[in-house]
Amino acid sequence: MDIMELDFEQWKEIGMRSGWVSPPVCYTHDGLPTSITEDAEFEDGSDPCIHIMRCYESEAHKEAIELNYSPAIWRDPNHD
């Protein structure tokens, strides 16, 4: 299967079935997905990095987020 021919849902399902990524959750309503160890690190004053990928609903949504959230631009290796 050519990766360039996959749509988003197929790509996401491959990642979930392979154990590379969690199911999508809402940070606002579900909270940050963490392990007990990460919770303890936060409580002890540490600052563990937890990588999150934001899914865009449309090109307009992507542009609106990039205008409001600079890491979406400077962390993107494909951004022009």
Protein backbone atom coordinates (compact mmCIF):
# COMPACT_ATOMS: atom_id res chain seq x y z
CA MET A 1 0.00 0.00 0.00
CA ASP A 2 1.36 3.40 -1.01
CA ILE A 3 1.35 5.74 2.00
CA MET A 4 0.56 8.69 -0.29
CA GLU A 5 -2.73 7.02 -1.26
CA LEU A 6 -4.01 6.74 2.32
CA ASP A 7 -6.68 9.07 3.61
CA PHE A 8 -6.46 10.38 7.18
CA GLU A 9 -8.75 7.72 8.68
CA GLN A 10 -6.69 4.89 7.14
CA TRP A 11 -3.44 6.48 8.29
CA LYS A 12 -4.80 6.96 11.83
CA GLU A 13 -6.09 3.39 12.01
CA ILE A 14 -2.71 1.97 10.97
CA GLY A 15 -1.05 3.96 13.77
CA MET A 16 -3.60 2.86 16.36
CA ARG A 17 -3.52 -0.82 15.34
CA SER A 18 0.28 -0.78 15.34
CA GLY A 19 0.37 0.72 18.84
CA TRP A 20 2.15 3.88 17.69
CA VAL A 21 -0.54 6.32 18.83
CA SER A 22 -3.49 6.52 21.20
CA PRO A 23 -7.07 6.98 20.06
CA PRO A 24 -7.90 10.68 19.69
CA VAL A 25 -8.98 12.36 22.93
CA CYS A 26 -10.06 15.92 23.73
CA TYR A 27 -7.62 17.71 26.02
CA THR A 28 -10.35 20.18 27.02
CA HIS A 29 -12.89 17.54 28.05
CA ASP A 30 -10.83 14.38 28.67
CA GLY A 31 -7.60 15.84 30.06
CA LEU A 32 -4.02 15.17 29.08
CA PRO A 33 -3.33 11.44 28.56
CA THR A 34 -0.54 10.64 31.05
CA SER A 35 0.94 7.67 32.85
CA ILE A 36 1.05 7.39 36.65
CA THR A 37 4.80 7.99 36.43
CA GLU A 38 4.31 11.23 34.47
CA ASP A 39 1.67 12.39 36.97
CA ALA A 40 4.13 11.75 39.81
CA GLU A 41 6.88 13.63 37.94
CA PHE A 42 4.59 16.66 37.56
CA GLU A 43 3.67 16.50 41.25
CA ASP A 44 7.37 16.35 42.17
CA GLY A 45 8.06 19.52 40.18
CA SER A 46 9.51 17.85 37.09
CA ASP A 47 8.42 18.80 33.59
CA PRO A 48 8.10 15.67 31.41
CA CYS A 49 7.50 16.35 27.72
CA ILE A 50 4.26 14.86 26.38
CA HIS A 51 3.97 15.13 22.61
CA ILE A 52 0.56 16.00 21.20
CA MET A 53 -0.52 16.28 17.56
CA ARG A 54 -3.46 18.56 16.77
CA CYS A 55 -5.88 17.35 14.11
CA TYR A 56 -7.26 20.05 11.82
CA GLU A 57 -10.87 20.03 10.63
CA SER A 58 -10.07 21.95 7.44
CA GLU A 59 -7.43 24.13 5.78
CA ALA A 60 -9.12 27.20 7.29
CA HIS A 61 -8.95 25.60 10.76
CA LYS A 62 -5.23 24.88 10.25
CA GLU A 63 -4.57 28.47 9.22
CA ALA A 64 -6.53 29.86 12.19
CA ILE A 65 -4.52 27.72 14.63
CA GLU A 66 -1.20 28.65 13.02
CA LEU A 67 -2.09 32.33 13.37
CA ASN A 68 -2.81 31.88 17.08
CA TYR A 69 -0.22 29.25 18.08
CA SER A 70 3.33 29.81 16.83
CA PRO A 71 4.72 26.34 17.74
CA ALA A 72 2.37 24.94 15.08
CA ILE A 73 4.57 26.78 12.59
CA TRP A 74 8.08 26.64 14.02
CA ARG A 75 7.90 22.96 14.98
CA ASP A 76 6.56 21.92 11.55
CA PRO A 77 9.44 20.66 9.37
CA ASN A 78 7.22 20.94 6.27
CA HIS A 79 6.14 24.55 6.82
CA ASP A 80 7.31 26.97 4.15
